[in-house]
Amino acid sequence: MSEPPDTRTGHQYLAITVDGEGVEKLENESGGHRIQRIPKSERNGRVHSSTVTVAVMDGGAAGKTVYDQRAESAFEIQWYNGTIGAGGQNHAKTAACARVKHIPSGVVRTAQTRSRKNSLANAMQAINAELDRLSSNAVGTAVNGVRRQQVGSGMRSDKRRTYRFQDGKVHDHGTGKSASVDHIMKGEFRLIW
């Protein structure tokens, strides 16, 4: 799934999901990949270079966060008398307003209605929405950290592999092995792993 370019950097991201036997070996692909070629339109024979950065992550790389604990025992519910809105004497005699606390994270949400059922439903809806938002932010931060660690700076000096199309060679800087571009483009990565 391709994402739109980052307006600050102009970089575009592409996410691919891979499943099957031998997937764990794709870890060897993380890092910077430098591509060198001489385009057909290049009259002076100059080599053009591009850099692509690759991050390989397990689907559960970020793991569970404290915000994902949603068992009934993770919530504390308190009832209190209402203070705002219509109700009159009903406020004084009925504790129909709910205060829900998510114990692992400390997030609290309240709801005031004339019905205990509605108050609890509204408070639970609000707290679950907040926990979803916080969980998403925590997972995004963890994934970005893993990506940054694997990719490095993305500069040419911080490279994993060089594809030299003009010479027909691919050199893996991690293993020190080289192979034919044709073989690598057909997916025969075992030659350089």
C-alpha atoms as a PDB file:
ATOM      1  CA  MET A   1       0.000   0.000   0.000  1.00  0.00           C
ATOM      2  CA  SER A   2       1.599   3.258  -1.063  1.00  0.00           C
ATOM      3  CA  GLU A   3       1.292   6.375   1.064  1.00  0.00           C
ATOM      4  CA  PRO A   4       1.380   9.944  -0.282  1.00  0.00           C
ATOM      5  CA  PRO A   5       4.762  11.689  -0.208  1.00  0.00           C
ATOM      6  CA  ASP A   6       5.803  13.332   3.060  1.00  0.00           C
ATOM      7  CA  THR A   7       5.405  17.060   2.356  1.00  0.00           C
ATOM      8  CA  ARG A   8       8.418  17.919   4.549  1.00  0.00           C
ATOM      9  CA  THR A   9      10.905  15.566   2.866  1.00  0.00           C
ATOM     10  CA  GLY A  10       9.286  14.536  -0.423  1.00  0.00           C
ATOM     11  CA  HIS A  11       9.813  10.863   0.502  1.00  0.00           C
ATOM     12  CA  GLN A  12       7.212   8.307  -0.421  1.00  0.00           C
ATOM     13  CA  TYR A  13       6.591   5.118   1.551  1.00  0.00           C
ATOM     14  CA  LEU A  14       5.469   1.732   0.313  1.00  0.00           C
ATOM     15  CA  ALA A  15       4.333  -0.985   2.733  1.00  0.00           C
ATOM     16  CA  ILE A  16       4.240  -4.614   1.598  1.00  0.00           C
ATOM     17  CA  THR A  17       2.991  -7.592   3.604  1.00  0.00           C
ATOM     18  CA  VAL A  18       4.832 -10.856   2.969  1.00  0.00           C
ATOM     19  CA  ASP A  19       3.782 -14.252   4.297  1.00  0.00           C
ATOM     20  CA  GLY A  20       5.159 -17.744   3.810  1.00  0.00           C
ATOM     21  CA  GLU A  21       8.160 -19.967   4.266  1.00  0.00           C
ATOM     22  CA  GLY A  22      11.560 -18.301   4.694  1.00  0.00           C
ATOM     23  CA  VAL A  23      10.137 -14.844   5.424  1.00  0.00           C
ATOM     24  CA  GLU A  24      12.491 -14.431   8.398  1.00  0.00           C
ATOM     25  CA  LYS A  25      15.434 -14.116   5.962  1.00  0.00           C
ATOM     26  CA  LEU A  26      14.023 -10.812   4.693  1.00  0.00           C
ATOM     27  CA  GLU A  27      15.670  -9.193   7.744  1.00  0.00           C
ATOM     28  CA  ASN A  28      18.789  -9.157   5.565  1.00  0.00           C
ATOM     29  CA  GLU A  29      17.123  -6.585   3.317  1.00  0.00           C
ATOM     30  CA  SER A  30      16.852  -3.771   5.887  1.00  0.00           C
ATOM     31  CA  GLY A  31      19.034  -0.726   5.322  1.00  0.00           C
ATOM     32  CA  GLY A  32      19.992   1.533   2.450  1.00  0.00           C
ATOM     33  CA  HIS A  33      20.073   0.209  -1.119  1.00  0.00           C
ATOM     34  CA  ARG A  34      22.045   2.269  -3.659  1.00  0.00           C
ATOM     35  CA  ILE A  35      21.077   1.928  -7.305  1.00  0.00           C
ATOM     36  CA  GLN A  36      23.564   3.050  -9.971  1.00  0.00           C
ATOM     37  CA  ARG A  37      22.733   3.172 -13.666  1.00  0.00           C
ATOM     38  CA  ILE A  38      23.441   5.006 -16.885  1.00  0.00           C
ATOM     39  CA  PRO A  39      20.076   5.982 -18.395  1.00  0.00           C
ATOM     40  CA  LYS A  40      19.601   5.620 -22.166  1.00  0.00           C
ATOM     41  CA  SER A  41      18.988   9.359 -22.338  1.00  0.00           C
ATOM     42  CA  GLU A  42      22.409  10.130 -20.763  1.00  0.00           C
ATOM     43  CA  ARG A  43      24.671  11.341 -23.601  1.00  0.00           C
ATOM     44  CA  ASN A  44      27.861  11.835 -21.590  1.00  0.00           C
ATOM     45  CA  GLY A  45      27.879   8.408 -19.934  1.00  0.00           C
ATOM     46  CA  ARG A  46      27.472   9.759 -16.399  1.00  0.00           C
ATOM     47  CA  VAL A  47      26.348   7.325 -13.698  1.00  0.00           C
ATOM     48  CA  HIS A  48      23.105   8.286 -11.949  1.00  0.00           C
ATOM     49  CA  SER A  49      22.635   7.133  -8.342  1.00  0.00           C
ATOM     50  CA  SER A  50      19.491   6.747  -6.281  1.00  0.00           C
ATOM     51  CA  THR A  51      19.011   5.493  -2.745  1.00  0.00           C
ATOM     52  CA  VAL A  52      16.123   3.438  -1.421  1.00  0.00           C
ATOM     53  CA  THR A  53      15.776   2.630   2.270  1.00  0.00           C
ATOM     54  CA  VAL A  54      14.153  -0.621   3.387  1.00  0.00           C
ATOM     55  CA  ALA A  55      12.766  -1.499   6.827  1.00  0.00           C
ATOM     56  CA  VAL A  56      11.590  -5.037   7.594  1.00  0.00           C
ATOM     57  CA  MET A  57       9.265  -5.426  10.567  1.00  0.00           C
ATOM     58  CA  ASP A  58       7.366  -8.260  12.142  1.00  0.00           C
ATOM     59  CA  GLY A  59       3.614  -7.602  12.093  1.00  0.00           C
ATOM     60  CA  GLY A  60       3.633  -7.477  15.908  1.00  0.00           C
ATOM     61  CA  ALA A  61       6.895  -5.533  16.176  1.00  0.00           C
ATOM     62  CA  ALA A  62       5.368  -2.840  18.329  1.00  0.00           C
ATOM     63  CA  GLY A  63       3.746  -5.305  20.699  1.00  0.00           C
ATOM     64  CA  LYS A  64       0.881  -4.638  23.061  1.00  0.00           C
ATOM     65  CA  THR A  65       0.676  -1.391  24.979  1.00  0.00           C
ATOM     66  CA  VAL A  66      -0.822  -0.629  28.380  1.00  0.00           C
ATOM     67  CA  TYR A  67      -3.764   0.947  26.520  1.00  0.00           C
ATOM     68  CA  ASP A  68      -4.705  -2.419  24.988  1.00  0.00           C
ATOM     69  CA  GLN A  69      -5.625  -3.912  28.375  1.00  0.00           C
ATOM     70  CA  ARG A  70      -9.423  -3.793  28.130  1.00  0.00           C
ATOM     71  CA  ALA A  71     -10.607  -6.606  30.440  1.00  0.00           C
ATOM     72  CA  GLU A  72     -13.481  -5.713  32.741  1.00  0.00           C
ATOM     73  CA  SER A  73     -11.075  -5.825  35.713  1.00  0.00           C
ATOM     74  CA  ALA A  74      -8.968  -3.049  34.101  1.00  0.00           C
ATOM     75  CA  PHE A  75     -11.749  -0.509  34.697  1.00  0.00           C
ATOM     76  CA  GLU A  76     -12.938   1.101  37.916  1.00  0.00           C
ATOM     77  CA  ILE A  77     -16.467   2.522  37.850  1.00  0.00           C
ATOM     78  CA  GLN A  78     -17.683   5.119  40.332  1.00  0.00           C
ATOM     79  CA  TRP A  79     -21.204   6.519  40.569  1.00  0.00           C
ATOM     80  CA  TYR A  80     -22.025  10.036  41.730  1.00  0.00           C
ATOM     81  CA  ASN A  81     -24.860  12.549  41.799  1.00  0.00           C
ATOM     82  CA  GLY A  82     -25.146  14.837  38.797  1.00  0.00           C
ATOM     83  CA  THR A  83     -24.392  18.539  38.948  1.00  0.00           C
ATOM     84  CA  ILE A  84     -25.267  19.930  35.505  1.00  0.00           C
ATOM     85  CA  GLY A  85     -28.293  19.964  33.248  1.00  0.00           C
ATOM     86  CA  ALA A  86     -31.952  19.213  33.914  1.00  0.00           C
ATOM     87  CA  GLY A  87     -32.785  16.943  36.810  1.00  0.00           C
ATOM     88  CA  GLY A  88     -33.820  19.022  39.797  1.00  0.00           C
ATOM     89  CA  GLN A  89     -34.487  16.805  42.791  1.00  0.00           C
ATOM     90  CA  ASN A  90     -33.464  13.738  40.760  1.00  0.00           C
ATOM     91  CA  HIS A  91     -29.801  14.883  41.107  1.00  0.00           C
ATOM     92  CA  ALA A  92     -30.007  14.734  44.888  1.00  0.00           C
ATOM     93  CA  LYS A  93     -31.583  11.303  45.180  1.00  0.00           C
ATOM     94  CA  THR A  94     -30.006   9.366  42.253  1.00  0.00           C
ATOM     95  CA  ALA A  95     -26.334   8.612  41.648  1.00  0.00           C
ATOM     96  CA  ALA A  96     -26.750   8.139  37.892  1.00  0.00           C
ATOM     97  CA  CYS A  97     -23.538   9.751  36.639  1.00  0.00           C
ATOM     98  CA  ALA A  98     -20.546   7.524  35.828  1.00  0.00           C
ATOM     99  CA  ARG A  99     -16.818   8.110  36.278  1.00  0.00           C
ATOM    100  CA  VAL A 100     -14.761   5.366  34.579  1.00  0.00           C
ATOM    101  CA  LYS A 101     -11.034   4.980  35.232  1.00  0.00           C
ATOM    102  CA  HIS A 102      -8.717   2.748  33.194  1.00  0.00           C
ATOM    103  CA  ILE A 103      -6.500   1.446  36.008  1.00  0.00           C
ATOM    104  CA  PRO A 104      -3.363   0.478  33.998  1.00  0.00           C
ATOM    105  CA  SER A 105      -3.062   3.894  32.311  1.00  0.00           C
ATOM    106  CA  GLY A 106      -4.917   6.211  34.701  1.00  0.00           C
ATOM    107  CA  VAL A 107      -7.173   7.624  31.942  1.00  0.00           C
ATOM    108  CA  VAL A 108     -10.503   8.872  33.345  1.00  0.00           C
ATOM    109  CA  ARG A 109     -13.733   9.781  31.530  1.00  0.00           C
ATOM    110  CA  THR A 110     -17.089  10.841  32.954  1.00  0.00           C
ATOM    111  CA  ALA A 111     -20.640  11.031  31.638  1.00  0.00           C
ATOM    112  CA  GLN A 112     -23.747  12.635  33.161  1.00  0.00           C
ATOM    113  CA  THR A 113     -27.221  11.589  32.090  1.00  0.00           C
ATOM    114  CA  ARG A 114     -30.409  10.792  34.017  1.00  0.00           C
ATOM    115  CA  SER A 115     -29.932   7.060  33.357  1.00  0.00           C
ATOM    116  CA  ARG A 116     -27.139   4.925  34.846  1.00  0.00           C
ATOM    117  CA  LYS A 117     -27.163   2.714  31.748  1.00  0.00           C
ATOM    118  CA  ASN A 118     -26.684   5.682  29.372  1.00  0.00           C
ATOM    119  CA  SER A 119     -24.073   7.323  31.601  1.00  0.00           C
ATOM    120  CA  LEU A 120     -22.007   4.129  31.738  1.00  0.00           C
ATOM    121  CA  ALA A 121     -22.349   3.538  27.980  1.00  0.00           C
ATOM    122  CA  ASN A 122     -21.279   7.125  27.182  1.00  0.00           C
ATOM    123  CA  ALA A 123     -18.317   7.018  29.590  1.00  0.00           C
ATOM    124  CA  MET A 124     -17.135   3.637  28.255  1.00  0.00           C
ATOM    125  CA  GLN A 125     -17.426   4.849  24.669  1.00  0.00           C
ATOM    126  CA  ALA A 126     -15.380   7.959  25.488  1.00  0.00           C
ATOM    127  CA  ILE A 127     -12.671   6.083  27.394  1.00  0.00           C
ATOM    128  CA  ASN A 128     -12.348   3.381  24.706  1.00  0.00           C
ATOM    129  CA  ALA A 129     -11.967   6.043  22.015  1.00  0.00           C
ATOM    130  CA  GLU A 130      -9.208   7.731  24.051  1.00  0.00           C
ATOM    131  CA  LEU A 131      -7.451   4.396  24.716  1.00  0.00           C
ATOM    132  CA  ASP A 132      -7.585   3.562  20.986  1.00  0.00           C
ATOM    133  CA  ARG A 133      -6.012   6.934  20.168  1.00  0.00           C
ATOM    134  CA  LEU A 134      -3.270   6.536  22.781  1.00  0.00           C
ATOM    135  CA  SER A 135      -2.560   2.948  21.704  1.00  0.00           C
ATOM    136  CA  SER A 136      -2.288   3.975  18.059  1.00  0.00           C
ATOM    137  CA  ASN A 137       0.160   6.755  18.963  1.00  0.00           C
ATOM    138  CA  ALA A 138       2.262   4.390  21.101  1.00  0.00           C
ATOM    139  CA  VAL A 139       2.396   1.737  18.358  1.00  0.00           C
ATOM    140  CA  GLY A 140       3.273   4.369  15.725  1.00  0.00           C
ATOM    141  CA  THR A 141       6.109   5.662  17.886  1.00  0.00           C
ATOM    142  CA  ALA A 142       7.464   2.132  18.419  1.00  0.00           C
ATOM    143  CA  VAL A 143       7.253   1.277  14.698  1.00  0.00           C
ATOM    144  CA  ASN A 144       9.000   4.532  13.735  1.00  0.00           C
ATOM    145  CA  GLY A 145      11.769   3.738  16.217  1.00  0.00           C
ATOM    146  CA  VAL A 146      12.311   0.279  14.702  1.00  0.00           C
ATOM    147  CA  ARG A 147      12.253   1.760  11.189  1.00  0.00           C
ATOM    148  CA  ARG A 148      14.778   4.481  12.083  1.00  0.00           C
ATOM    149  CA  GLN A 149      17.109   1.927  13.680  1.00  0.00           C
ATOM    150  CA  GLN A 150      17.058  -0.354  10.610  1.00  0.00           C
ATOM    151  CA  VAL A 151      17.247   2.299   7.911  1.00  0.00           C
ATOM    152  CA  GLY A 152      19.892   4.525   9.490  1.00  0.00           C
ATOM    153  CA  SER A 153      20.430   7.909   7.931  1.00  0.00           C
ATOM    154  CA  GLY A 154      19.534   6.822   4.398  1.00  0.00           C
ATOM    155  CA  MET A 155      22.721   8.480   3.142  1.00  0.00           C
ATOM    156  CA  ARG A 156      24.906   6.772   0.541  1.00  0.00           C
ATOM    157  CA  SER A 157      27.597   5.980   3.099  1.00  0.00           C
ATOM    158  CA  ASP A 158      25.010   4.122   5.221  1.00  0.00           C
ATOM    159  CA  LYS A 159      24.206   1.421   2.670  1.00  0.00           C
ATOM    160  CA  ARG A 160      23.361  -2.252   2.772  1.00  0.00           C
ATOM    161  CA  ARG A 161      23.667  -3.096  -0.901  1.00  0.00           C
ATOM    162  CA  THR A 162      24.748  -1.515  -4.194  1.00  0.00           C
ATOM    163  CA  TYR A 163      23.108  -2.397  -7.516  1.00  0.00           C
ATOM    164  CA  ARG A 164      25.410  -1.440 -10.405  1.00  0.00           C
ATOM    165  CA  PHE A 165      23.287  -1.961 -13.515  1.00  0.00           C
ATOM    166  CA  GLN A 166      25.987  -0.642 -15.865  1.00  0.00           C
ATOM    167  CA  ASP A 167      28.312  -3.480 -14.707  1.00  0.00           C
ATOM    168  CA  GLY A 168      25.557  -6.062 -14.174  1.00  0.00           C
ATOM    169  CA  LYS A 169      26.675  -6.615 -10.536  1.00  0.00           C
ATOM    170  CA  VAL A 170      25.110  -6.406  -7.085  1.00  0.00           C
ATOM    171  CA  HIS A 171      27.361  -6.117  -4.031  1.00  0.00           C
ATOM    172  CA  ASP A 172      26.081  -6.768  -0.491  1.00  0.00           C
ATOM    173  CA  HIS A 173      28.137  -4.684   1.949  1.00  0.00           C
ATOM    174  CA  GLY A 174      27.009  -6.746   4.959  1.00  0.00           C
ATOM    175  CA  THR A 175      28.187 -10.135   3.703  1.00  0.00           C
ATOM    176  CA  GLY A 176      30.803  -8.923   1.216  1.00  0.00           C
ATOM    177  CA  LYS A 177      29.312 -11.149  -1.505  1.00  0.00           C
ATOM    178  CA  SER A 178      28.534 -10.149  -5.103  1.00  0.00           C
ATOM    179  CA  ALA A 179      26.168 -11.609  -7.684  1.00  0.00           C
ATOM    180  CA  SER A 180      24.671 -10.887 -11.077  1.00  0.00           C
ATOM    181  CA  VAL A 181      21.956  -8.212 -11.224  1.00  0.00           C
ATOM    182  CA  ASP A 182      19.882 -10.564 -13.395  1.00  0.00           C
ATOM    183  CA  HIS A 183      19.890 -13.282 -10.702  1.00  0.00           C
ATOM    184  CA  ILE A 184      19.064 -10.852  -7.893  1.00  0.00           C
ATOM    185  CA  MET A 185      16.238  -9.229  -9.879  1.00  0.00           C
ATOM    186  CA  LYS A 186      14.757 -12.733 -10.296  1.00  0.00           C
ATOM    187  CA  GLY A 187      14.738 -13.098  -6.490  1.00  0.00           C
ATOM    188  CA  GLU A 188      17.814 -15.291  -5.983  1.00  0.00           C
ATOM    189  CA  PHE A 189      18.942 -13.448  -2.853  1.00  0.00           C
ATOM    190  CA  ARG A 190      20.542 -16.609  -1.435  1.00  0.00           C
ATOM    191  CA  LEU A 191      23.528 -15.823  -3.653  1.00  0.00           C
ATOM    192  CA  ILE A 192      24.428 -12.784  -1.529  1.00  0.00           C
ATOM    193  CA  TRP A 193      22.981 -13.655   1.894  1.00  0.00           C
END
